[in-house]
């Protein structure tokens, strides 16, 4: 149908005009899932099978990627689910879900009054092991209803303009060994361009000649106190400490190390 084709066209348009500049990933973010880096088919579970469809597209670097779309806007009472594969939690206490997607403006599609929607729902489920292809809606917990800041129209298609939306949601605390994400469509014309799940850490750093290791913050508003260790050829003057925030930022450096006799400070070292 027309709206089904529209998403396909949108995902194959020029990368420079579609996606714009790409920012590098911050050093304090650790990916657990990034659909754009998966080689070959994603192989997520679509239920029912005539709902979400896996298709090929290109990213901002013209690299082939796999995405999912659904556009059953002509039919009443849609309930289409898409579930990711099992994602190991690693050391994450809180996870962040970043969705990039396009969504069709219902007013630009004829004869869909009352059936077309402009939102979809995001869910998750924790699990200590991989459930394979088993899928039960009631086991999932809703994170949020996702709406587009910008939707596209037939005119945008003619101009080959991609209005890419980015939404980020926090989930936590997470306690089990892994989790699934799920996306529920209730009658929208939407394409999931990419799904990224990550957690934040305070990355290794050297401050006042003290080394502080990678530290994963707790899922709370409290800071994690971390004791530093002096670099080679140095000794403690005051016990070095810093605090790791929930946003993966080092705060409030206290104490320091100083170079041993016969050595002098050069950058982050004693030489």
C-alpha atoms as a PDB file:
ATOM      1  CA  UNK A   1       0.000   0.000   0.000  1.00  0.00           C
ATOM      2  CA  UNK A   2       1.039   3.637  -0.398  1.00  0.00           C
ATOM      3  CA  UNK A   3       2.021   4.299   3.213  1.00  0.00           C
ATOM      4  CA  UNK A   4       3.930   1.000   3.369  1.00  0.00           C
ATOM      5  CA  UNK A   5       6.000   2.030   0.362  1.00  0.00           C
ATOM      6  CA  UNK A   6       6.517   5.492   1.829  1.00  0.00           C
ATOM      7  CA  UNK A   7       8.647   4.218   4.681  1.00  0.00           C
ATOM      8  CA  UNK A   8      10.761   2.117   2.343  1.00  0.00           C
ATOM      9  CA  UNK A   9      11.445   5.157   0.194  1.00  0.00           C
ATOM     10  CA  UNK A  10      12.275   7.229   3.231  1.00  0.00           C
ATOM     11  CA  UNK A  11      14.863   4.791   4.515  1.00  0.00           C
ATOM     12  CA  UNK A  12      16.658   4.599   1.181  1.00  0.00           C
ATOM     13  CA  UNK A  13      17.073   8.351   0.642  1.00  0.00           C
ATOM     14  CA  UNK A  14      20.357  10.261   0.570  1.00  0.00           C
ATOM     15  CA  UNK A  15      22.231   9.883   3.855  1.00  0.00           C
ATOM     16  CA  UNK A  16      23.494  13.456   3.988  1.00  0.00           C
ATOM     17  CA  UNK A  17      20.077  15.013   3.516  1.00  0.00           C
ATOM     18  CA  UNK A  18      18.386  12.406   5.694  1.00  0.00           C
ATOM     19  CA  UNK A  19      20.419  12.025   8.831  1.00  0.00           C
ATOM     20  CA  UNK A  20      22.772  15.002   9.031  1.00  0.00           C
ATOM     21  CA  UNK A  21      25.926  15.032  11.152  1.00  0.00           C
ATOM     22  CA  UNK A  22      26.611  12.151  13.512  1.00  0.00           C
ATOM     23  CA  UNK A  23      27.996  12.776  17.004  1.00  0.00           C
ATOM     24  CA  UNK A  24      30.569  10.347  18.379  1.00  0.00           C
ATOM     25  CA  UNK A  25      29.416   8.123  21.221  1.00  0.00           C
ATOM     26  CA  UNK A  26      30.435   9.540  24.632  1.00  0.00           C
ATOM     27  CA  UNK A  27      33.197   7.630  26.421  1.00  0.00           C
ATOM     28  CA  UNK A  28      30.973   7.096  29.458  1.00  0.00           C
ATOM     29  CA  UNK A  29      28.376   5.055  27.522  1.00  0.00           C
ATOM     30  CA  UNK A  30      28.694   1.266  27.138  1.00  0.00           C
ATOM     31  CA  UNK A  31      26.482  -0.362  24.512  1.00  0.00           C
ATOM     32  CA  UNK A  32      24.538  -3.496  25.367  1.00  0.00           C
ATOM     33  CA  UNK A  33      22.647  -3.503  22.058  1.00  0.00           C
ATOM     34  CA  UNK A  34      23.054  -1.461  18.887  1.00  0.00           C
ATOM     35  CA  UNK A  35      20.911  -2.709  16.025  1.00  0.00           C
ATOM     36  CA  UNK A  36      22.995  -0.777  13.489  1.00  0.00           C
ATOM     37  CA  UNK A  37      26.114  -2.813  14.239  1.00  0.00           C
ATOM     38  CA  UNK A  38      24.488  -6.239  13.846  1.00  0.00           C
ATOM     39  CA  UNK A  39      25.584  -8.022  10.686  1.00  0.00           C
ATOM     40  CA  UNK A  40      22.830  -9.684   8.672  1.00  0.00           C
ATOM     41  CA  UNK A  41      19.244 -10.077   9.791  1.00  0.00           C
ATOM     42  CA  UNK A  42      18.246  -8.961  13.279  1.00  0.00           C
ATOM     43  CA  UNK A  43      15.895 -11.919  13.638  1.00  0.00           C
ATOM     44  CA  UNK A  44      13.646 -10.372  16.265  1.00  0.00           C
ATOM     45  CA  UNK A  45      10.272 -11.942  17.042  1.00  0.00           C
ATOM     46  CA  UNK A  46       7.270 -10.377  15.274  1.00  0.00           C
ATOM     47  CA  UNK A  47       3.829 -11.327  16.575  1.00  0.00           C
ATOM     48  CA  UNK A  48       1.581 -11.722  14.703  1.00  0.00           C
ATOM     49  CA  UNK A  49       3.753 -12.450  11.690  1.00  0.00           C
ATOM     50  CA  UNK A  50       1.899  -9.993   9.423  1.00  0.00           C
ATOM     51  CA  UNK A  51       2.713  -7.048  11.718  1.00  0.00           C
ATOM     52  CA  UNK A  52       6.259  -5.701  12.017  1.00  0.00           C
ATOM     53  CA  UNK A  53       8.431  -6.459   8.986  1.00  0.00           C
ATOM     54  CA  UNK A  54      12.228  -6.512   8.804  1.00  0.00           C
ATOM     55  CA  UNK A  55      13.651  -4.540   5.862  1.00  0.00           C
ATOM     56  CA  UNK A  56      16.995  -3.253   4.578  1.00  0.00           C
ATOM     57  CA  UNK A  57      18.008   0.401   4.672  1.00  0.00           C
ATOM     58  CA  UNK A  58      21.128   2.573   4.898  1.00  0.00           C
ATOM     59  CA  UNK A  59      22.543   4.623   7.744  1.00  0.00           C
ATOM     60  CA  UNK A  60      24.235   8.034   7.703  1.00  0.00           C
ATOM     61  CA  UNK A  61      27.445   6.428   6.384  1.00  0.00           C
ATOM     62  CA  UNK A  62      25.618   4.614   3.540  1.00  0.00           C
ATOM     63  CA  UNK A  63      26.227   1.376   5.445  1.00  0.00           C
ATOM     64  CA  UNK A  64      23.463  -1.218   5.005  1.00  0.00           C
ATOM     65  CA  UNK A  65      21.358  -1.686   8.131  1.00  0.00           C
ATOM     66  CA  UNK A  66      18.350  -3.778   9.066  1.00  0.00           C
ATOM     67  CA  UNK A  67      15.255  -2.029  10.392  1.00  0.00           C
ATOM     68  CA  UNK A  68      11.655  -2.855  11.260  1.00  0.00           C
ATOM     69  CA  UNK A  69       8.502  -1.184   9.978  1.00  0.00           C
ATOM     70  CA  UNK A  70       4.754  -1.576  10.310  1.00  0.00           C
ATOM     71  CA  UNK A  71       1.960   0.304   8.558  1.00  0.00           C
ATOM     72  CA  UNK A  72      -1.381  -1.455   8.986  1.00  0.00           C
ATOM     73  CA  UNK A  73      -3.254   1.832   9.265  1.00  0.00           C
ATOM     74  CA  UNK A  74      -6.295   0.717   7.269  1.00  0.00           C
ATOM     75  CA  UNK A  75      -7.338  -1.949   9.773  1.00  0.00           C
ATOM     76  CA  UNK A  76      -9.054  -1.620  13.152  1.00  0.00           C
ATOM     77  CA  UNK A  77      -7.775  -2.948  16.498  1.00  0.00           C
ATOM     78  CA  UNK A  78      -4.107  -3.405  15.679  1.00  0.00           C
ATOM     79  CA  UNK A  79      -1.942  -5.141  18.275  1.00  0.00           C
ATOM     80  CA  UNK A  80       1.405  -5.891  16.622  1.00  0.00           C
ATOM     81  CA  UNK A  81       4.370  -6.800  18.818  1.00  0.00           C
ATOM     82  CA  UNK A  82       8.088  -6.833  18.069  1.00  0.00           C
ATOM     83  CA  UNK A  83      10.493  -8.370  20.593  1.00  0.00           C
ATOM     84  CA  UNK A  84      14.275  -8.100  20.544  1.00  0.00           C
ATOM     85  CA  UNK A  85      16.586 -10.986  21.246  1.00  0.00           C
ATOM     86  CA  UNK A  86      17.785 -11.484  24.827  1.00  0.00           C
ATOM     87  CA  UNK A  87      20.270  -8.786  25.880  1.00  0.00           C
ATOM     88  CA  UNK A  88      22.810  -9.578  28.654  1.00  0.00           C
ATOM     89  CA  UNK A  89      22.813  -6.909  31.378  1.00  0.00           C
ATOM     90  CA  UNK A  90      26.550  -7.149  32.139  1.00  0.00           C
ATOM     91  CA  UNK A  91      27.273  -4.774  35.041  1.00  0.00           C
ATOM     92  CA  UNK A  92      24.479  -2.276  34.321  1.00  0.00           C
ATOM     93  CA  UNK A  93      22.335  -1.075  37.215  1.00  0.00           C
ATOM     94  CA  UNK A  94      20.240   1.229  35.044  1.00  0.00           C
ATOM     95  CA  UNK A  95      19.840   1.095  31.273  1.00  0.00           C
ATOM     96  CA  UNK A  96      19.029   3.713  28.662  1.00  0.00           C
ATOM     97  CA  UNK A  97      16.992   2.909  25.557  1.00  0.00           C
ATOM     98  CA  UNK A  98      17.622   5.129  22.516  1.00  0.00           C
ATOM     99  CA  UNK A  99      15.130   4.818  19.665  1.00  0.00           C
ATOM    100  CA  UNK A 100      15.502   6.432  16.255  1.00  0.00           C
ATOM    101  CA  UNK A 101      12.389   6.216  14.132  1.00  0.00           C
ATOM    102  CA  UNK A 102      10.202   7.833  11.498  1.00  0.00           C
ATOM    103  CA  UNK A 103       6.434   8.126  11.756  1.00  0.00           C
ATOM    104  CA  UNK A 104       3.836   9.004   9.117  1.00  0.00           C
ATOM    105  CA  UNK A 105       1.381  11.852   9.737  1.00  0.00           C
ATOM    106  CA  UNK A 106      -2.096  10.271   9.807  1.00  0.00           C
ATOM    107  CA  UNK A 107      -3.625  13.379   8.235  1.00  0.00           C
ATOM    108  CA  UNK A 108      -1.499  12.763   5.135  1.00  0.00           C
ATOM    109  CA  UNK A 109      -2.991   9.292   4.569  1.00  0.00           C
ATOM    110  CA  UNK A 110      -6.478   9.196   3.008  1.00  0.00           C
ATOM    111  CA  UNK A 111      -9.319   7.076   4.376  1.00  0.00           C
ATOM    112  CA  UNK A 112      -7.720   6.123   7.702  1.00  0.00           C
ATOM    113  CA  UNK A 113      -9.754   8.313  10.057  1.00  0.00           C
ATOM    114  CA  UNK A 114     -10.244   6.427  13.318  1.00  0.00           C
ATOM    115  CA  UNK A 115      -7.779   3.633  12.582  1.00  0.00           C
ATOM    116  CA  UNK A 116      -4.433   5.432  12.158  1.00  0.00           C
ATOM    117  CA  UNK A 117      -2.357   6.224  15.265  1.00  0.00           C
ATOM    118  CA  UNK A 118       0.747   8.352  15.764  1.00  0.00           C
ATOM    119  CA  UNK A 119       2.297   6.594  18.770  1.00  0.00           C
ATOM    120  CA  UNK A 120       3.671   3.191  19.712  1.00  0.00           C
ATOM    121  CA  UNK A 121       4.478   1.601  23.074  1.00  0.00           C
ATOM    122  CA  UNK A 122       7.819   0.531  24.532  1.00  0.00           C
ATOM    123  CA  UNK A 123       8.051  -2.420  26.950  1.00  0.00           C
ATOM    124  CA  UNK A 124      10.734  -4.506  28.664  1.00  0.00           C
ATOM    125  CA  UNK A 125      11.039  -7.782  30.534  1.00  0.00           C
ATOM    126  CA  UNK A 126      13.902  -8.964  32.731  1.00  0.00           C
ATOM    127  CA  UNK A 127      15.008 -12.580  32.586  1.00  0.00           C
ATOM    128  CA  UNK A 128      17.878 -14.688  33.878  1.00  0.00           C
ATOM    129  CA  UNK A 129      17.993 -16.713  30.670  1.00  0.00           C
ATOM    130  CA  UNK A 130      17.064 -16.627  27.004  1.00  0.00           C
ATOM    131  CA  UNK A 131      13.440 -17.630  26.389  1.00  0.00           C
ATOM    132  CA  UNK A 132      14.050 -18.287  22.692  1.00  0.00           C
ATOM    133  CA  UNK A 133      10.958 -17.738  20.555  1.00  0.00           C
ATOM    134  CA  UNK A 134       8.504 -17.891  23.476  1.00  0.00           C
ATOM    135  CA  UNK A 135       6.523 -14.654  23.731  1.00  0.00           C
ATOM    136  CA  UNK A 136       3.799 -13.662  26.189  1.00  0.00           C
ATOM    137  CA  UNK A 137       2.500 -10.087  26.249  1.00  0.00           C
ATOM    138  CA  UNK A 138       1.499 -10.118  29.921  1.00  0.00           C
ATOM    139  CA  UNK A 139       5.098 -10.728  31.034  1.00  0.00           C
ATOM    140  CA  UNK A 140       6.225  -7.337  29.745  1.00  0.00           C
ATOM    141  CA  UNK A 141       6.221  -4.069  31.708  1.00  0.00           C
ATOM    142  CA  UNK A 142       5.418  -0.830  29.924  1.00  0.00           C
ATOM    143  CA  UNK A 143       8.159   1.792  29.875  1.00  0.00           C
ATOM    144  CA  UNK A 144       6.342   4.551  27.992  1.00  0.00           C
ATOM    145  CA  UNK A 145       4.200   5.568  25.046  1.00  0.00           C
ATOM    146  CA  UNK A 146       6.495   6.919  22.326  1.00  0.00           C
ATOM    147  CA  UNK A 147       5.343   9.841  20.186  1.00  0.00           C
ATOM    148  CA  UNK A 148       7.151  11.574  17.332  1.00  0.00           C
ATOM    149  CA  UNK A 149       8.291  15.179  17.609  1.00  0.00           C
ATOM    150  CA  UNK A 150       8.110  15.280  13.819  1.00  0.00           C
ATOM    151  CA  UNK A 151       6.042  13.149  11.471  1.00  0.00           C
ATOM    152  CA  UNK A 152       6.380  13.010   7.697  1.00  0.00           C
ATOM    153  CA  UNK A 153       3.860  13.569   4.916  1.00  0.00           C
ATOM    154  CA  UNK A 154       3.524  12.702   1.244  1.00  0.00           C
ATOM    155  CA  UNK A 155       5.072  16.087   0.407  1.00  0.00           C
ATOM    156  CA  UNK A 156       8.156  15.221   2.461  1.00  0.00           C
ATOM    157  CA  UNK A 157       8.512  12.046   0.409  1.00  0.00           C
ATOM    158  CA  UNK A 158       8.535  14.080  -2.768  1.00  0.00           C
ATOM    159  CA  UNK A 159      11.299  16.272  -1.355  1.00  0.00           C
ATOM    160  CA  UNK A 160      13.123  13.177   0.008  1.00  0.00           C
ATOM    161  CA  UNK A 161      13.312  14.645   3.522  1.00  0.00           C
ATOM    162  CA  UNK A 162      13.697  12.250   6.438  1.00  0.00           C
ATOM    163  CA  UNK A 163      12.316  13.526   9.731  1.00  0.00           C
ATOM    164  CA  UNK A 164      14.171  11.258  12.099  1.00  0.00           C
ATOM    165  CA  UNK A 165      13.012  11.237  15.710  1.00  0.00           C
ATOM    166  CA  UNK A 166      15.236  10.296  18.643  1.00  0.00           C
ATOM    167  CA  UNK A 167      13.765   9.342  22.008  1.00  0.00           C
ATOM    168  CA  UNK A 168      15.652   8.106  25.085  1.00  0.00           C
ATOM    169  CA  UNK A 169      14.088   6.393  28.089  1.00  0.00           C
ATOM    170  CA  UNK A 170      15.664   5.225  31.369  1.00  0.00           C
ATOM    171  CA  UNK A 171      14.887   1.841  32.896  1.00  0.00           C
ATOM    172  CA  UNK A 172      16.027   0.680  36.299  1.00  0.00           C
ATOM    173  CA  UNK A 173      17.036  -0.756  38.549  1.00  0.00           C
ATOM    174  CA  UNK A 174      17.716  -3.892  36.507  1.00  0.00           C
ATOM    175  CA  UNK A 175      18.702  -6.948  38.519  1.00  0.00           C
ATOM    176  CA  UNK A 176      18.437 -10.111  36.447  1.00  0.00           C
ATOM    177  CA  UNK A 177      21.090 -11.397  34.050  1.00  0.00           C
ATOM    178  CA  UNK A 178      19.434  -9.895  30.980  1.00  0.00           C
ATOM    179  CA  UNK A 179      16.312  -8.450  29.442  1.00  0.00           C
ATOM    180  CA  UNK A 180      14.164  -8.083  26.342  1.00  0.00           C
ATOM    181  CA  UNK A 181      12.674  -4.966  24.779  1.00  0.00           C
ATOM    182  CA  UNK A 182       9.331  -5.063  23.006  1.00  0.00           C
ATOM    183  CA  UNK A 183       7.507  -2.590  20.780  1.00  0.00           C
ATOM    184  CA  UNK A 184       3.721  -2.581  20.502  1.00  0.00           C
ATOM    185  CA  UNK A 185       2.061  -1.057  17.448  1.00  0.00           C
ATOM    186  CA  UNK A 186      -1.616  -0.146  17.765  1.00  0.00           C
ATOM    187  CA  UNK A 187      -2.114   1.234  14.255  1.00  0.00           C
ATOM    188  CA  UNK A 188       0.752   3.580  13.359  1.00  0.00           C
ATOM    189  CA  UNK A 189       2.866   3.877  10.226  1.00  0.00           C
ATOM    190  CA  UNK A 190       6.300   3.705  11.830  1.00  0.00           C
ATOM    191  CA  UNK A 191       9.827   2.548  11.016  1.00  0.00           C
ATOM    192  CA  UNK A 192      12.358   1.741  13.738  1.00  0.00           C
ATOM    193  CA  UNK A 193      15.583   2.951  12.142  1.00  0.00           C
ATOM    194  CA  UNK A 194      17.792   1.950  15.074  1.00  0.00           C
ATOM    195  CA  UNK A 195      17.578   0.667  18.635  1.00  0.00           C
ATOM    196  CA  UNK A 196      20.449   1.232  21.047  1.00  0.00           C
ATOM    197  CA  UNK A 197      20.573   0.145  24.689  1.00  0.00           C
ATOM    198  CA  UNK A 198      23.442   1.307  26.873  1.00  0.00           C
ATOM    199  CA  UNK A 199      24.479   2.025  30.429  1.00  0.00           C
ATOM    200  CA  UNK A 200      26.688   4.753  31.816  1.00  0.00           C
ATOM    201  CA  UNK A 201      29.976   4.433  33.649  1.00  0.00           C
ATOM    202  CA  UNK A 202      32.558   6.802  35.020  1.00  0.00           C
ATOM    203  CA  UNK A 203      35.499   5.992  32.708  1.00  0.00           C
ATOM    204  CA  UNK A 204      39.070   5.409  33.853  1.00  0.00           C
ATOM    205  CA  UNK A 205      40.768   8.700  34.582  1.00  0.00           C
ATOM    206  CA  UNK A 206      43.820  10.209  36.283  1.00  0.00           C
ATOM    207  CA  UNK A 207      43.348  13.183  38.608  1.00  0.00           C
ATOM    208  CA  UNK A 208      45.961  14.759  40.887  1.00  0.00           C
ATOM    209  CA  UNK A 209      48.358  11.908  40.023  1.00  0.00           C
ATOM    210  CA  UNK A 210      45.805   9.329  41.195  1.00  0.00           C
ATOM    211  CA  UNK A 211      44.214   6.695  38.967  1.00  0.00           C
ATOM    212  CA  UNK A 212      40.495   5.996  39.212  1.00  0.00           C
ATOM    213  CA  UNK A 213      39.128   2.807  37.569  1.00  0.00           C
ATOM    214  CA  UNK A 214      36.039   2.343  35.392  1.00  0.00           C
ATOM    215  CA  UNK A 215      33.115   2.562  37.805  1.00  0.00           C
ATOM    216  CA  UNK A 216      29.448   1.761  37.175  1.00  0.00           C
ATOM    217  CA  UNK A 217      27.130   4.049  39.183  1.00  0.00           C
ATOM    218  CA  UNK A 218      24.295   2.670  41.256  1.00  0.00           C
ATOM    219  CA  UNK A 219      20.672   3.167  40.218  1.00  0.00           C
ATOM    220  CA  UNK A 220      19.962   5.860  42.780  1.00  0.00           C
ATOM    221  CA  UNK A 221      20.584   9.529  43.382  1.00  0.00           C
ATOM    222  CA  UNK A 222      23.552   8.797  45.643  1.00  0.00           C
ATOM    223  CA  UNK A 223      27.157   9.174  44.546  1.00  0.00           C
ATOM    224  CA  UNK A 224      29.591   6.252  44.602  1.00  0.00           C
ATOM    225  CA  UNK A 225      32.807   7.059  46.451  1.00  0.00           C
ATOM    226  CA  UNK A 226      35.890   5.644  44.702  1.00  0.00           C
ATOM    227  CA  UNK A 227      39.382   5.465  46.168  1.00  0.00           C
ATOM    228  CA  UNK A 228      42.196   6.327  43.777  1.00  0.00           C
ATOM    229  CA  UNK A 229      45.651   4.755  43.561  1.00  0.00           C
ATOM    230  CA  UNK A 230      48.796   6.769  42.995  1.00  0.00           C
ATOM    231  CA  UNK A 231      50.561   6.576  39.637  1.00  0.00           C
ATOM    232  CA  UNK A 232      54.027   5.026  39.443  1.00  0.00           C
ATOM    233  CA  UNK A 233      56.789   6.876  41.254  1.00  0.00           C
ATOM    234  CA  UNK A 234      54.386   8.808  43.473  1.00  0.00           C
ATOM    235  CA  UNK A 235      52.950   8.595  47.000  1.00  0.00           C
ATOM    236  CA  UNK A 236      49.822   9.717  48.800  1.00  0.00           C
ATOM    237  CA  UNK A 237      49.749  13.166  50.335  1.00  0.00           C
ATOM    238  CA  UNK A 238      46.073  12.973  51.194  1.00  0.00           C
ATOM    239  CA  UNK A 239      44.045   9.845  50.346  1.00  0.00           C
ATOM    240  CA  UNK A 240      42.730  10.503  46.801  1.00  0.00           C
ATOM    241  CA  UNK A 241      38.977  10.046  46.320  1.00  0.00           C
ATOM    242  CA  UNK A 242      36.356  11.008  43.769  1.00  0.00           C
ATOM    243  CA  UNK A 243      32.643  10.424  43.403  1.00  0.00           C
ATOM    244  CA  UNK A 244      30.933   8.731  40.462  1.00  0.00           C
ATOM    245  CA  UNK A 245      27.508  10.201  39.624  1.00  0.00           C
ATOM    246  CA  UNK A 246      24.528   8.365  38.130  1.00  0.00           C
ATOM    247  CA  UNK A 247      25.224  10.226  34.870  1.00  0.00           C
ATOM    248  CA  UNK A 248      28.680   8.673  34.581  1.00  0.00           C
ATOM    249  CA  UNK A 249      30.574  11.812  35.594  1.00  0.00           C
ATOM    250  CA  UNK A 250      33.433  12.130  38.067  1.00  0.00           C
ATOM    251  CA  UNK A 251      32.785  14.747  40.751  1.00  0.00           C
ATOM    252  CA  UNK A 252      34.452  16.348  43.795  1.00  0.00           C
ATOM    253  CA  UNK A 253      38.115  15.282  43.640  1.00  0.00           C
ATOM    254  CA  UNK A 254      39.557  15.068  47.151  1.00  0.00           C
ATOM    255  CA  UNK A 255      43.163  14.435  48.165  1.00  0.00           C
ATOM    256  CA  UNK A 256      46.138  13.912  45.904  1.00  0.00           C
ATOM    257  CA  UNK A 257      49.402  12.125  45.277  1.00  0.00           C
ATOM    258  CA  UNK A 258      52.810  13.727  44.828  1.00  0.00           C
ATOM    259  CA  UNK A 259      55.921  12.610  43.000  1.00  0.00           C
ATOM    260  CA  UNK A 260      58.657  10.810  44.881  1.00  0.00           C
ATOM    261  CA  UNK A 261      61.995  12.498  45.454  1.00  0.00           C
ATOM    262  CA  UNK A 262      63.957  12.713  42.212  1.00  0.00           C
ATOM    263  CA  UNK A 263      60.825  12.715  40.028  1.00  0.00           C
ATOM    264  CA  UNK A 264      58.745  15.576  38.714  1.00  0.00           C
ATOM    265  CA  UNK A 265      55.173  15.796  37.494  1.00  0.00           C
ATOM    266  CA  UNK A 266      54.741  15.732  33.725  1.00  0.00           C
ATOM    267  CA  UNK A 267      51.157  15.552  32.597  1.00  0.00           C
ATOM    268  CA  UNK A 268      49.608  12.581  34.359  1.00  0.00           C
ATOM    269  CA  UNK A 269      52.918  10.939  35.290  1.00  0.00           C
ATOM    270  CA  UNK A 270      55.950  11.305  37.514  1.00  0.00           C
ATOM    271  CA  UNK A 271      59.183  11.133  35.507  1.00  0.00           C
END
